Amino acid sequence: MTSRNVSRFWEWGKKIICVGRNYADHAKELNNVVPTEPVLFLKTPSAYLTEGSPILIPKYSNSVHHEIELGVVIGKGGTAILQSSAMQHVAGYALCLDMTARDVQDDCKSKGLPWTLAKAFNTSCPVSEFIPKERIPDPGNVKIWLKVNGQMRQNGCTSQMIFSIPFLISYISEIITLEEGDLILTGTPKGVSAVQVHDELHAGIDDVVSMTFKVGRL
């Protein structure tokens, strides 16, 4: 399916395409309207972070939140991909964090500005090791969880997503051509909250993958 080492997609993938508010309970906990079509935003590849390096809170934020998500790694590119064939374009998955400067996001939203400062800063996309497609036979029924300093904060299932993975791949590819190595973040369940310097974030998919990150500050 792939011509490069897709298991290290974070080293050469060009795009991180994120889906906001894809869990109704998460939209409601932030007092947002539950969407009727996907809410999309982008992170840059410099947002990638792998285990062993800290998540760094940017200087301009005092409230960075964790958002645990299932990431979809594209193995075969395409434009206007049909839902019926969308999963043929998936190489595998990764457990991901969409770190969000919530105070900055709220300020941007109040001014009608884009969310880039809140979402795309360096280290804002921690990722697990690559998960081969065969390890997750049903991505529409995956339990994902996140603990902060040993306390469970988020515990949800991808069955709660408003828009399915095949739908998202098709929808996104109508607007943005998907390429090998691209990552799609599929949204976060409820329970997001702020992290502090020295916090330890531990997240996982039981019997599949886990990851741990410490929090620092620039």
N, C-alpha and C. Protein backbone atom coordinates (compact mmCIF):
# COMPACT_ATOMS: atom_id res chain seq x y z
N MET A 1 0.83 -1.21 0.00
CA MET A 1 0.00 0.00 0.00
C MET A 1 0.86 1.26 0.00
N THR A 2 2.00 1.20 0.70
CA THR A 2 2.78 2.42 0.89
C THR A 2 4.18 2.28 0.32
N SER A 3 4.75 3.41 -0.07
CA SER A 3 6.09 3.42 -0.64
C SER A 3 7.13 3.88 0.37
N ARG A 4 6.70 4.46 1.50
CA ARG A 4 7.62 4.89 2.54
C ARG A 4 7.29 4.15 3.84
N ASN A 5 8.09 4.38 4.86
CA ASN A 5 7.86 3.74 6.15
C ASN A 5 6.75 4.48 6.87
N VAL A 6 5.52 4.06 6.64
CA VAL A 6 4.37 4.77 7.19
C VAL A 6 4.32 4.65 8.71
N SER A 7 5.03 3.68 9.27
CA SER A 7 5.05 3.54 10.73
C SER A 7 5.75 4.70 11.41
N ARG A 8 6.45 5.54 10.63
CA ARG A 8 7.07 6.75 11.15
C ARG A 8 6.51 7.98 10.42
N PHE A 9 5.20 7.96 10.30
CA PHE A 9 4.49 9.01 9.53
C PHE A 9 4.80 10.41 10.03
N TRP A 10 5.07 10.55 11.33
CA TRP A 10 5.30 11.88 11.91
C TRP A 10 6.59 12.51 11.41
N GLU A 11 7.47 11.72 10.82
CA GLU A 11 8.74 12.27 10.33
C GLU A 11 8.60 12.90 8.94
N TRP A 12 7.58 12.49 8.17
CA TRP A 12 7.51 12.98 6.80
C TRP A 12 6.09 13.31 6.31
N GLY A 13 5.07 12.98 7.09
CA GLY A 13 3.71 13.32 6.69
C GLY A 13 3.53 14.82 6.56
N LYS A 14 2.74 15.24 5.60
CA LYS A 14 2.62 16.67 5.29
C LYS A 14 1.52 17.39 6.07
N LYS A 15 0.45 16.66 6.45
CA LYS A 15 -0.71 17.35 7.00
C LYS A 15 -1.27 16.62 8.22
N ILE A 16 -1.77 17.42 9.15
CA ILE A 16 -2.58 16.92 10.26
C ILE A 16 -3.93 17.61 10.15
N ILE A 17 -4.94 16.85 9.80
CA ILE A 17 -6.28 17.40 9.59
C ILE A 17 -7.15 16.98 10.78
N CYS A 18 -7.68 17.95 11.48
CA CYS A 18 -8.38 17.69 12.74
C CYS A 18 -9.87 17.94 12.60
N VAL A 19 -10.63 17.12 13.29
CA VAL A 19 -12.09 17.24 13.29
C VAL A 19 -12.52 17.70 14.68
N GLY A 20 -13.15 18.85 14.76
CA GLY A 20 -13.61 19.37 16.04
C GLY A 20 -15.04 18.96 16.35
N ARG A 21 -15.34 18.84 17.63
CA ARG A 21 -16.72 18.63 18.10
C ARG A 21 -17.37 17.40 17.48
N ASN A 22 -16.61 16.31 17.37
CA ASN A 22 -17.15 15.10 16.75
C ASN A 22 -17.77 14.15 17.77
N TYR A 23 -17.77 14.57 19.03
CA TYR A 23 -18.49 13.85 20.09
C TYR A 23 -19.48 14.85 20.69
N ALA A 24 -20.75 14.50 20.70
CA ALA A 24 -21.79 15.44 21.13
C ALA A 24 -21.57 15.91 22.56
N ASP A 25 -21.18 15.00 23.46
CA ASP A 25 -21.00 15.39 24.86
C ASP A 25 -19.85 16.36 25.03
N HIS A 26 -18.82 16.23 24.20
CA HIS A 26 -17.71 17.19 24.27
C HIS A 26 -18.15 18.56 23.77
N ALA A 27 -18.90 18.59 22.67
CA ALA A 27 -19.41 19.87 22.18
C ALA A 27 -20.23 20.56 23.26
N LYS A 28 -21.06 19.79 23.95
CA LYS A 28 -21.94 20.36 24.98
C LYS A 28 -21.15 20.84 26.19
N GLU A 29 -20.08 20.12 26.57
CA GLU A 29 -19.34 20.53 27.77
C GLU A 29 -18.64 21.87 27.57
N LEU A 30 -18.40 22.25 26.32
CA LEU A 30 -17.80 23.56 26.03
C LEU A 30 -18.83 24.56 25.53
N ASN A 31 -20.11 24.21 25.70
CA ASN A 31 -21.21 25.09 25.31
C ASN A 31 -21.21 25.42 23.82
N ASN A 32 -20.81 24.42 23.01
CA ASN A 32 -20.86 24.58 21.57
C ASN A 32 -22.06 23.83 21.00
N VAL A 33 -22.53 24.32 19.87
CA VAL A 33 -23.62 23.65 19.17
C VAL A 33 -23.10 22.33 18.59
N VAL A 34 -23.89 21.27 18.71
CA VAL A 34 -23.51 19.99 18.10
C VAL A 34 -23.56 20.16 16.59
N PRO A 35 -22.47 19.89 15.87
CA PRO A 35 -22.42 20.20 14.43
C PRO A 35 -23.26 19.25 13.58
N THR A 36 -23.70 19.78 12.45
CA THR A 36 -24.43 18.96 11.47
C THR A 36 -23.52 18.58 10.31
N GLU A 37 -22.33 19.14 10.25
CA GLU A 37 -21.30 18.73 9.31
C GLU A 37 -19.95 18.92 9.99
N PRO A 38 -18.92 18.21 9.55
CA PRO A 38 -17.64 18.26 10.26
C PRO A 38 -17.05 19.66 10.38
N VAL A 39 -16.47 19.93 11.54
CA VAL A 39 -15.71 21.15 11.79
C VAL A 39 -14.24 20.80 11.62
N LEU A 40 -13.56 21.41 10.65
CA LEU A 40 -12.19 21.06 10.33
C LEU A 40 -11.22 22.18 10.69
N PHE A 41 -10.05 21.79 11.15
CA PHE A 41 -8.93 22.73 11.31
C PHE A 41 -7.65 21.95 11.11
N LEU A 42 -6.53 22.65 11.02
CA LEU A 42 -5.25 22.03 10.68
C LEU A 42 -4.21 22.26 11.77
N LYS A 43 -3.31 21.30 11.90
CA LYS A 43 -2.07 21.48 12.63
C LYS A 43 -0.93 21.30 11.64
N THR A 44 0.21 21.88 11.94
CA THR A 44 1.38 21.73 11.08
C THR A 44 2.20 20.53 11.54
N PRO A 45 3.03 19.95 10.67
CA PRO A 45 3.86 18.81 11.09
C PRO A 45 4.78 19.11 12.26
N SER A 46 5.12 20.37 12.48
CA SER A 46 5.98 20.71 13.62
C SER A 46 5.25 20.53 14.95
N ALA A 47 3.95 20.26 14.91
CA ALA A 47 3.18 19.99 16.13
C ALA A 47 3.43 18.59 16.66
N TYR A 48 3.97 17.69 15.82
CA TYR A 48 4.18 16.31 16.23
C TYR A 48 5.14 16.20 17.41
N LEU A 49 4.83 15.25 18.30
CA LEU A 49 5.67 14.97 19.45
C LEU A 49 5.58 13.47 19.73
N THR A 50 6.71 12.83 19.95
CA THR A 50 6.72 11.42 20.32
C THR A 50 7.23 11.26 21.74
N GLU A 51 6.98 10.09 22.31
CA GLU A 51 7.34 9.84 23.71
C GLU A 51 8.82 10.08 23.96
N GLY A 52 9.09 10.65 25.12
CA GLY A 52 10.46 10.97 25.49
C GLY A 52 10.73 12.46 25.52
N SER A 53 9.85 13.23 24.88
CA SER A 53 9.96 14.68 24.89
C SER A 53 8.71 15.27 25.54
N PRO A 54 8.83 16.44 26.19
CA PRO A 54 7.69 16.99 26.92
C PRO A 54 6.75 17.82 26.05
N ILE A 55 5.50 17.82 26.44
CA ILE A 55 4.52 18.78 25.91
C ILE A 55 4.87 20.13 26.52
N LEU A 56 5.01 21.14 25.67
CA LEU A 56 5.41 22.46 26.15
C LEU A 56 4.25 23.45 26.03
N ILE A 57 3.81 23.98 27.16
CA ILE A 57 2.76 25.00 27.17
C ILE A 57 3.35 26.28 26.58
N PRO A 58 2.71 26.86 25.56
CA PRO A 58 3.28 28.07 24.96
C PRO A 58 3.23 29.26 25.91
N LYS A 59 4.13 30.20 25.69
CA LYS A 59 4.24 31.36 26.57
C LYS A 59 2.96 32.18 26.64
N TYR A 60 2.19 32.16 25.56
CA TYR A 60 1.03 33.04 25.48
C TYR A 60 -0.25 32.41 26.02
N SER A 61 -0.15 31.24 26.66
CA SER A 61 -1.35 30.57 27.18
C SER A 61 -1.19 30.22 28.65
N ASN A 62 -2.30 30.33 29.37
CA ASN A 62 -2.36 29.91 30.77
C ASN A 62 -3.37 28.80 30.99
N SER A 63 -3.89 28.23 29.91
CA SER A 63 -4.91 27.18 30.06
C SER A 63 -4.86 26.25 28.85
N VAL A 64 -3.96 25.27 28.91
CA VAL A 64 -3.85 24.28 27.83
C VAL A 64 -4.58 23.01 28.26
N HIS A 65 -5.49 22.55 27.41
CA HIS A 65 -6.31 21.37 27.71
C HIS A 65 -5.82 20.15 26.93
N HIS A 66 -6.01 18.99 27.52
CA HIS A 66 -5.78 17.71 26.84
C HIS A 66 -7.05 17.29 26.10
N GLU A 67 -6.88 16.70 24.92
CA GLU A 67 -7.98 16.11 24.17
C GLU A 67 -7.46 14.81 23.55
N ILE A 68 -7.88 13.68 24.07
CA ILE A 68 -7.43 12.38 23.57
C ILE A 68 -8.24 11.99 22.33
N GLU A 69 -7.58 11.46 21.30
CA GLU A 69 -8.26 11.17 20.05
C GLU A 69 -7.67 9.94 19.37
N LEU A 70 -8.48 9.28 18.57
CA LEU A 70 -7.98 8.25 17.66
C LEU A 70 -7.55 8.93 16.37
N GLY A 71 -6.30 8.72 15.99
CA GLY A 71 -5.80 9.27 14.74
C GLY A 71 -5.80 8.22 13.65
N VAL A 72 -6.14 8.63 12.43
CA VAL A 72 -6.18 7.75 11.27
C VAL A 72 -5.01 8.13 10.35
N VAL A 73 -4.14 7.17 10.08
CA VAL A 73 -2.98 7.41 9.22
C VAL A 73 -3.30 6.95 7.81
N ILE A 74 -3.17 7.88 6.87
CA ILE A 74 -3.49 7.58 5.47
C ILE A 74 -2.34 6.84 4.81
N GLY A 75 -2.67 5.75 4.14
CA GLY A 75 -1.66 4.96 3.45
C GLY A 75 -1.71 5.09 1.94
N LYS A 76 -2.87 5.47 1.42
CA LYS A 76 -3.03 5.66 -0.02
C LYS A 76 -3.82 6.94 -0.24
N GLY A 77 -3.22 7.88 -0.95
CA GLY A 77 -3.85 9.18 -1.15
C GLY A 77 -5.04 9.12 -2.10
N GLY A 78 -5.73 10.25 -2.18
CA GLY A 78 -6.85 10.32 -3.10
C GLY A 78 -7.65 11.59 -2.92
N THR A 79 -8.43 11.89 -3.95
CA THR A 79 -9.35 13.02 -3.95
C THR A 79 -10.75 12.49 -4.20
N ALA A 80 -11.74 13.08 -3.51
CA ALA A 80 -13.14 12.67 -3.68
C ALA A 80 -13.29 11.15 -3.50
N ILE A 81 -12.76 10.66 -2.40
CA ILE A 81 -12.81 9.23 -2.09
C ILE A 81 -14.22 8.84 -1.68
N LEU A 82 -14.71 7.75 -2.20
CA LEU A 82 -16.04 7.26 -1.86
C LEU A 82 -16.02 6.66 -0.46
N GLN A 83 -17.12 6.83 0.29
CA GLN A 83 -17.21 6.21 1.61
C GLN A 83 -17.02 4.70 1.52
N SER A 84 -17.56 4.12 0.47
CA SER A 84 -17.54 2.67 0.33
C SER A 84 -16.13 2.11 0.18
N SER A 85 -15.19 2.95 -0.26
CA SER A 85 -13.81 2.49 -0.43
C SER A 85 -12.83 3.22 0.49
N ALA A 86 -13.35 4.03 1.42
CA ALA A 86 -12.50 4.89 2.24
C ALA A 86 -11.50 4.11 3.07
N MET A 87 -11.91 2.98 3.61
CA MET A 87 -11.02 2.23 4.51
C MET A 87 -9.85 1.61 3.75
N GLN A 88 -9.94 1.51 2.44
CA GLN A 88 -8.82 1.02 1.64
C GLN A 88 -7.66 2.03 1.62
N HIS A 89 -7.94 3.25 2.02
CA HIS A 89 -6.93 4.30 2.05
C HIS A 89 -6.25 4.43 3.40
N VAL A 90 -6.66 3.61 4.37
CA VAL A 90 -6.11 3.67 5.73
C VAL A 90 -4.97 2.68 5.87
N ALA A 91 -3.82 3.17 6.34
CA ALA A 91 -2.67 2.30 6.62
C ALA A 91 -2.71 1.79 8.05
N GLY A 92 -3.20 2.63 8.96
CA GLY A 92 -3.25 2.27 10.36
C GLY A 92 -3.73 3.44 11.20
N TYR A 93 -3.36 3.39 12.47
CA TYR A 93 -3.89 4.37 13.42
C TYR A 93 -2.80 4.81 14.38
N ALA A 94 -3.12 5.81 15.18
CA ALA A 94 -2.26 6.23 16.29
C ALA A 94 -3.16 6.84 17.35
N LEU A 95 -2.78 6.65 18.59
CA LEU A 95 -3.44 7.39 19.66
C LEU A 95 -2.80 8.76 19.72
N CYS A 96 -3.60 9.80 19.80
CA CYS A 96 -3.08 11.16 19.66
C CYS A 96 -3.68 12.08 20.72
N LEU A 97 -2.97 13.16 20.97
CA LEU A 97 -3.49 14.23 21.80
C LEU A 97 -3.57 15.50 20.97
N ASP A 98 -4.72 16.14 21.04
CA ASP A 98 -4.89 17.47 20.44
C ASP A 98 -4.80 18.46 21.59
N MET A 99 -3.58 18.91 21.88
CA MET A 99 -3.39 19.88 22.96
C MET A 99 -3.90 21.24 22.48
N THR A 100 -4.71 21.88 23.31
CA THR A 100 -5.43 23.08 22.90
C THR A 100 -5.26 24.19 23.92
N ALA A 101 -4.76 25.33 23.47
CA ALA A 101 -4.69 26.51 24.33
C ALA A 101 -6.09 27.10 24.43
N ARG A 102 -6.84 26.64 25.44
CA ARG A 102 -8.28 26.95 25.49
C ARG A 102 -8.54 28.43 25.68
N ASP A 103 -7.73 29.11 26.49
CA ASP A 103 -7.95 30.54 26.68
C ASP A 103 -7.75 31.30 25.39
N VAL A 104 -6.76 30.88 24.62
CA VAL A 104 -6.49 31.52 23.33
C VAL A 104 -7.60 31.19 22.33
N GLN A 105 -8.04 29.94 22.34
CA GLN A 105 -9.13 29.56 21.44
C GLN A 105 -10.39 30.37 21.73
N ASP A 106 -10.72 30.51 23.01
CA ASP A 106 -11.92 31.27 23.38
C ASP A 106 -11.81 32.72 22.92
N ASP A 107 -10.60 33.29 23.04
CA ASP A 107 -10.40 34.67 22.60
C ASP A 107 -10.53 34.77 21.08
N CYS A 108 -9.95 33.80 20.36
CA CYS A 108 -10.05 33.80 18.90
C CYS A 108 -11.51 33.68 18.46
N LYS A 109 -12.24 32.79 19.10
CA LYS A 109 -13.65 32.59 18.74
C LYS A 109 -14.46 33.86 18.98
N SER A 110 -14.17 34.55 20.09
CA SER A 110 -14.92 35.77 20.41
C SER A 110 -14.67 36.88 19.39
N LYS A 111 -13.50 36.83 18.73
CA LYS A 111 -13.13 37.84 17.74
C LYS A 111 -13.37 37.38 16.32
N GLY A 112 -13.88 36.16 16.16
CA GLY A 112 -14.12 35.62 14.82
C GLY A 112 -12.84 35.29 14.08
N LEU A 113 -11.78 34.97 14.83
CA LEU A 113 -10.48 34.67 14.23
C LEU A 113 -10.24 33.17 14.14
N PRO A 114 -9.32 32.73 13.28
CA PRO A 114 -8.98 31.30 13.20
C PRO A 114 -8.37 30.80 14.51
N TRP A 115 -8.32 29.48 14.65
CA TRP A 115 -7.85 28.85 15.88
C TRP A 115 -6.36 28.49 15.85
N THR A 116 -5.63 28.94 14.87
CA THR A 116 -4.26 28.45 14.67
C THR A 116 -3.39 28.60 15.91
N LEU A 117 -3.42 29.75 16.57
CA LEU A 117 -2.59 29.96 17.76
C LEU A 117 -2.94 28.98 18.87
N ALA A 118 -4.19 28.57 18.92
CA ALA A 118 -4.66 27.68 19.98
C ALA A 118 -4.38 26.22 19.70
N LYS A 119 -4.22 25.87 18.43
CA LYS A 119 -4.21 24.46 18.05
C LYS A 119 -2.90 23.98 17.42
N ALA A 120 -2.13 24.85 16.81
CA ALA A 120 -1.02 24.40 15.95
C ALA A 120 0.37 24.67 16.52
N PHE A 121 0.44 25.04 17.79
CA PHE A 121 1.76 25.35 18.36
C PHE A 121 2.63 24.08 18.43
N ASN A 122 3.94 24.28 18.50
CA ASN A 122 4.87 23.16 18.60
C ASN A 122 4.51 22.28 19.80
N THR A 123 4.60 20.97 19.63
CA THR A 123 4.30 19.93 20.62
C THR A 123 2.81 19.77 20.89
N SER A 124 1.95 20.34 20.07
CA SER A 124 0.50 20.27 20.32
C SER A 124 -0.13 18.99 19.79
N CYS A 125 0.68 18.10 19.17
CA CYS A 125 0.12 16.84 18.66
C CYS A 125 0.99 15.65 19.08
N PRO A 126 0.98 15.30 20.37
CA PRO A 126 1.67 14.08 20.80
C PRO A 126 1.01 12.84 20.18
N VAL A 127 1.83 11.89 19.76
CA VAL A 127 1.31 10.68 19.12
C VAL A 127 1.98 9.44 19.70
N SER A 128 1.24 8.35 19.67
CA SER A 128 1.77 7.05 20.09
C SER A 128 2.56 6.45 18.95
N GLU A 129 3.08 5.26 19.17
CA GLU A 129 3.64 4.47 18.08
C GLU A 129 2.54 4.14 17.08
N PHE A 130 2.91 3.86 15.86
CA PHE A 130 1.98 3.50 14.80
C PHE A 130 1.28 2.18 15.15
N ILE A 131 -0.03 2.15 14.90
CA ILE A 131 -0.83 0.95 15.14
C ILE A 131 -1.24 0.37 13.79
N PRO A 132 -0.74 -0.78 13.38
CA PRO A 132 -1.15 -1.35 12.10
C PRO A 132 -2.66 -1.55 12.04
N LYS A 133 -3.20 -1.41 10.85
CA LYS A 133 -4.65 -1.48 10.63
C LYS A 133 -5.25 -2.75 11.22
N GLU A 134 -4.52 -3.85 11.12
CA GLU A 134 -5.04 -5.14 11.57
C GLU A 134 -5.24 -5.19 13.08
N ARG A 135 -4.56 -4.31 13.83
CA ARG A 135 -4.70 -4.31 15.29
C ARG A 135 -6.02 -3.71 15.75
N ILE A 136 -6.66 -2.94 14.87
CA ILE A 136 -7.95 -2.33 15.20
C ILE A 136 -8.94 -2.71 14.10
N PRO A 137 -9.55 -3.89 14.19
CA PRO A 137 -10.45 -4.35 13.13
C PRO A 137 -11.72 -3.53 13.00
N ASP A 138 -12.15 -2.89 14.10
CA ASP A 138 -13.36 -2.06 14.06
C ASP A 138 -13.07 -0.70 14.67
N PRO A 139 -12.58 0.25 13.86
CA PRO A 139 -12.24 1.57 14.40
C PRO A 139 -13.46 2.36 14.88
N GLY A 140 -14.65 1.89 14.53
CA GLY A 140 -15.86 2.54 15.01
C GLY A 140 -16.29 2.08 16.39
N ASN A 141 -15.46 1.26 17.04
CA ASN A 141 -15.79 0.79 18.38
C ASN A 141 -14.50 0.59 19.19
N VAL A 142 -13.79 1.69 19.39
CA VAL A 142 -12.50 1.66 20.10
C VAL A 142 -12.61 2.51 21.36
N LYS A 143 -12.27 1.94 22.49
CA LYS A 143 -12.29 2.68 23.75
C LYS A 143 -10.95 3.37 23.95
N ILE A 144 -11.00 4.67 24.16
CA ILE A 144 -9.79 5.47 24.38
C ILE A 144 -9.91 6.16 25.74
N TRP A 145 -8.78 6.27 26.43
CA TRP A 145 -8.83 6.86 27.77
C TRP A 145 -7.55 7.67 28.03
N LEU A 146 -7.67 8.58 28.99
CA LEU A 146 -6.54 9.41 29.38
C LEU A 146 -6.59 9.69 30.88
N LYS A 147 -5.45 9.53 31.53
CA LYS A 147 -5.32 9.84 32.95
C LYS A 147 -4.29 10.97 33.11
N VAL A 148 -4.53 11.83 34.09
CA VAL A 148 -3.57 12.86 34.46
C VAL A 148 -3.15 12.60 35.90
N ASN A 149 -1.86 12.35 36.09
CA ASN A 149 -1.33 12.02 37.41
C ASN A 149 -2.10 10.87 38.05
N GLY A 150 -2.46 9.88 37.23
CA GLY A 150 -3.13 8.69 37.72
C GLY A 150 -4.64 8.79 37.84
N GLN A 151 -5.20 9.98 37.62
CA GLN A 151 -6.65 10.18 37.74
C GLN A 151 -7.28 10.17 36.36
N MET A 152 -8.31 9.33 36.19
CA MET A 152 -8.99 9.25 34.90
C MET A 152 -9.69 10.57 34.59
N ARG A 153 -9.40 11.12 33.40
CA ARG A 153 -10.03 12.36 32.97
C ARG A 153 -10.97 12.14 31.78
N GLN A 154 -10.52 11.31 30.83
CA GLN A 154 -11.33 11.04 29.64
C GLN A 154 -11.41 9.53 29.44
N ASN A 155 -12.61 9.06 29.15
CA ASN A 155 -12.84 7.64 28.94
C ASN A 155 -14.04 7.50 28.01
N GLY A 156 -13.78 7.34 26.72
CA GLY A 156 -14.86 7.32 25.74
C GLY A 156 -14.65 6.23 24.70
N CYS A 157 -15.56 6.18 23.75
CA CYS A 157 -15.51 5.17 22.71
C CYS A 157 -15.82 5.82 21.37
N THR A 158 -15.11 5.39 20.35
CA THR A 158 -15.32 5.97 19.02
C THR A 158 -16.73 5.69 18.48
N SER A 159 -17.46 4.78 19.10
CA SER A 159 -18.86 4.57 18.70
C SER A 159 -19.71 5.80 18.99
N GLN A 160 -19.20 6.71 19.82
CA GLN A 160 -19.92 7.94 20.16
C GLN A 160 -19.68 9.07 19.15
N MET A 161 -18.81 8.84 18.17
CA MET A 161 -18.52 9.88 17.19
C MET A 161 -19.77 10.22 16.37
N ILE A 162 -19.94 11.47 16.06
CA ILE A 162 -21.06 11.91 15.22
C ILE A 162 -20.82 11.49 13.78
N PHE A 163 -19.60 11.70 13.30
CA PHE A 163 -19.25 11.38 11.91
C PHE A 163 -18.24 10.23 11.91
N SER A 164 -18.54 9.18 11.17
CA SER A 164 -17.70 7.99 11.14
C SER A 164 -16.40 8.24 10.38
N ILE A 165 -15.45 7.35 10.56
CA ILE A 165 -14.17 7.48 9.87
C ILE A 165 -14.34 7.41 8.35
N PRO A 166 -15.09 6.46 7.78
CA PRO A 166 -15.27 6.48 6.32
C PRO A 166 -15.90 7.78 5.83
N PHE A 167 -16.87 8.30 6.57
CA PHE A 167 -17.50 9.57 6.17
C PHE A 167 -16.47 10.70 6.20
N LEU A 168 -15.66 10.75 7.26
CA LEU A 168 -14.67 11.83 7.38
C LEU A 168 -13.64 11.78 6.26
N ILE A 169 -13.16 10.58 5.95
CA ILE A 169 -12.19 10.45 4.86
C ILE A 169 -12.80 10.96 3.55
N SER A 170 -14.02 10.57 3.28
CA SER A 170 -14.69 11.00 2.05
C SER A 170 -14.91 12.51 2.06
N TYR A 171 -15.42 13.03 3.16
CA TYR A 171 -15.73 14.46 3.27
C TYR A 171 -14.47 15.31 3.12
N ILE A 172 -13.43 14.95 3.86
CA ILE A 172 -12.19 15.73 3.82
C ILE A 172 -11.58 15.69 2.42
N SER A 173 -11.58 14.52 1.79
CA SER A 173 -10.92 14.38 0.49
C SER A 173 -11.64 15.12 -0.63
N GLU A 174 -12.88 15.50 -0.40
CA GLU A 174 -13.59 16.36 -1.36
C GLU A 174 -13.03 17.78 -1.34
N ILE A 175 -12.43 18.16 -0.21
CA ILE A 175 -11.95 19.53 -0.01
C ILE A 175 -10.43 19.60 -0.09
N ILE A 176 -9.78 18.63 0.55
CA ILE A 176 -8.32 18.59 0.65
C ILE A 176 -7.86 17.22 0.18
N THR A 177 -7.05 17.18 -0.85
CA THR A 177 -6.52 15.89 -1.31
C THR A 177 -5.73 15.24 -0.19
N LEU A 178 -6.06 14.00 0.10
CA LEU A 178 -5.33 13.25 1.12
C LEU A 178 -4.10 12.60 0.50
N GLU A 179 -3.00 12.60 1.24
CA GLU A 179 -1.74 12.05 0.77
C GLU A 179 -1.23 11.01 1.76
N GLU A 180 -0.42 10.11 1.26
CA GLU A 180 0.22 9.12 2.11
C GLU A 180 0.94 9.81 3.27
N GLY A 181 0.73 9.31 4.47
CA GLY A 181 1.36 9.89 5.65
C GLY A 181 0.56 10.96 6.35
N ASP A 182 -0.54 11.42 5.74
CA ASP A 182 -1.41 12.39 6.41
C ASP A 182 -2.06 11.74 7.63
N LEU A 183 -2.36 12.56 8.63
CA LEU A 183 -3.02 12.11 9.84
C LEU A 183 -4.34 12.85 10.00
N ILE A 184 -5.40 12.10 10.27
CA ILE A 184 -6.70 12.69 10.58
C ILE A 184 -6.98 12.46 12.06
N LEU A 185 -7.19 13.54 12.81
CA LEU A 185 -7.62 13.43 14.20
C LEU A 185 -9.14 13.46 14.23
N THR A 186 -9.75 12.46 14.85
CA THR A 186 -11.18 12.22 14.68
C THR A 186 -12.07 12.82 15.76
N GLY A 187 -11.51 13.62 16.67
CA GLY A 187 -12.33 14.23 17.70
C GLY A 187 -12.11 13.60 19.07
N THR A 188 -12.59 14.29 20.11
CA THR A 188 -12.32 13.85 21.48
C THR A 188 -13.60 13.67 22.26
N PRO A 189 -13.66 12.68 23.14
CA PRO A 189 -14.82 12.54 24.03
C PRO A 189 -14.79 13.58 25.15
N LYS A 190 -15.83 13.61 25.93
CA LYS A 190 -15.93 14.60 27.02
C LYS A 190 -14.85 14.36 28.07
N GLY A 191 -14.67 15.38 28.91
CA GLY A 191 -13.73 15.26 30.01
C GLY A 191 -12.46 16.07 29.86
N VAL A 192 -12.41 16.95 28.85
CA VAL A 192 -11.21 17.75 28.64
C VAL A 192 -11.02 18.70 29.82
N SER A 193 -9.76 18.96 30.15
CA SER A 193 -9.46 19.88 31.24
C SER A 193 -8.02 20.34 31.13
N ALA A 194 -7.68 21.34 31.93
CA ALA A 194 -6.37 21.97 31.85
C ALA A 194 -5.28 21.09 32.45
N VAL A 195 -4.08 21.21 31.89
CA VAL A 195 -2.90 20.54 32.45
C VAL A 195 -1.97 21.59 33.05
N GLN A 196 -1.13 21.13 33.97
CA GLN A 196 -0.18 22.01 34.64
C GLN A 196 1.24 21.50 34.40
N VAL A 197 2.20 22.39 34.55
CA VAL A 197 3.60 22.00 34.46
C VAL A 197 3.88 20.87 35.45
N HIS A 198 4.62 19.88 35.02
CA HIS A 198 5.00 18.68 35.78
C HIS A 198 3.93 17.60 35.80
N ASP A 199 2.74 17.87 35.24
CA ASP A 199 1.73 16.81 35.14
C ASP A 199 2.26 15.67 34.28
N GLU A 200 1.76 14.47 34.54
CA GLU A 200 2.05 13.31 33.71
C GLU A 200 0.75 12.82 33.08
N LEU A 201 0.74 12.76 31.76
CA LEU A 201 -0.42 12.29 31.02
C LEU A 201 -0.16 10.87 30.54
N HIS A 202 -1.07 9.99 30.88
CA HIS A 202 -0.96 8.58 30.48
C HIS A 202 -2.25 8.22 29.75
N ALA A 203 -2.13 7.72 28.53
CA ALA A 203 -3.30 7.43 27.71
C ALA A 203 -3.16 6.09 27.04
N GLY A 204 -4.29 5.52 26.64
CA GLY A 204 -4.19 4.22 26.00
C GLY A 204 -5.44 3.72 25.33
N ILE A 205 -5.24 2.66 24.58
CA ILE A 205 -6.28 1.78 24.07
C ILE A 205 -5.94 0.42 24.63
N ASP A 206 -6.77 -0.12 25.50
CA ASP A 206 -6.43 -1.36 26.21
C ASP A 206 -6.05 -2.47 25.24
N ASP A 207 -4.97 -3.16 25.57
CA ASP A 207 -4.47 -4.30 24.81
C ASP A 207 -3.95 -3.92 23.41
N VAL A 208 -3.82 -2.61 23.14
CA VAL A 208 -3.33 -2.17 21.83
C VAL A 208 -2.12 -1.25 21.98
N VAL A 209 -2.27 -0.15 22.73
CA VAL A 209 -1.19 0.82 22.81
C VAL A 209 -1.36 1.68 24.05
N SER A 210 -0.26 2.24 24.56
CA SER A 210 -0.31 3.25 25.61
C SER A 210 0.82 4.24 25.39
N MET A 211 0.69 5.41 26.00
CA MET A 211 1.73 6.43 25.85
C MET A 211 1.71 7.32 27.07
N THR A 212 2.87 7.91 27.38
CA THR A 212 3.01 8.77 28.54
C THR A 212 3.81 10.01 28.16
N PHE A 213 3.32 11.17 28.58
CA PHE A 213 4.01 12.44 28.32
C PHE A 213 4.00 13.29 29.59
N LYS A 214 5.11 13.99 29.82
CA LYS A 214 5.20 14.99 30.88
C LYS A 214 4.89 16.37 30.27
N VAL A 215 4.48 17.29 31.13
CA VAL A 215 4.14 18.65 30.71
C VAL A 215 5.19 19.62 31.22
N GLY A 216 5.66 20.49 30.32
CA GLY A 216 6.59 21.55 30.67
C GLY A 216 6.08 22.88 30.14
N ARG A 217 6.93 23.87 30.16
CA ARG A 217 6.54 25.19 29.64
C ARG A 217 7.71 25.82 28.91
N LEU A 218 7.41 26.51 27.83
CA LEU A 218 8.44 27.25 27.09
C LEU A 218 8.96 28.40 27.93
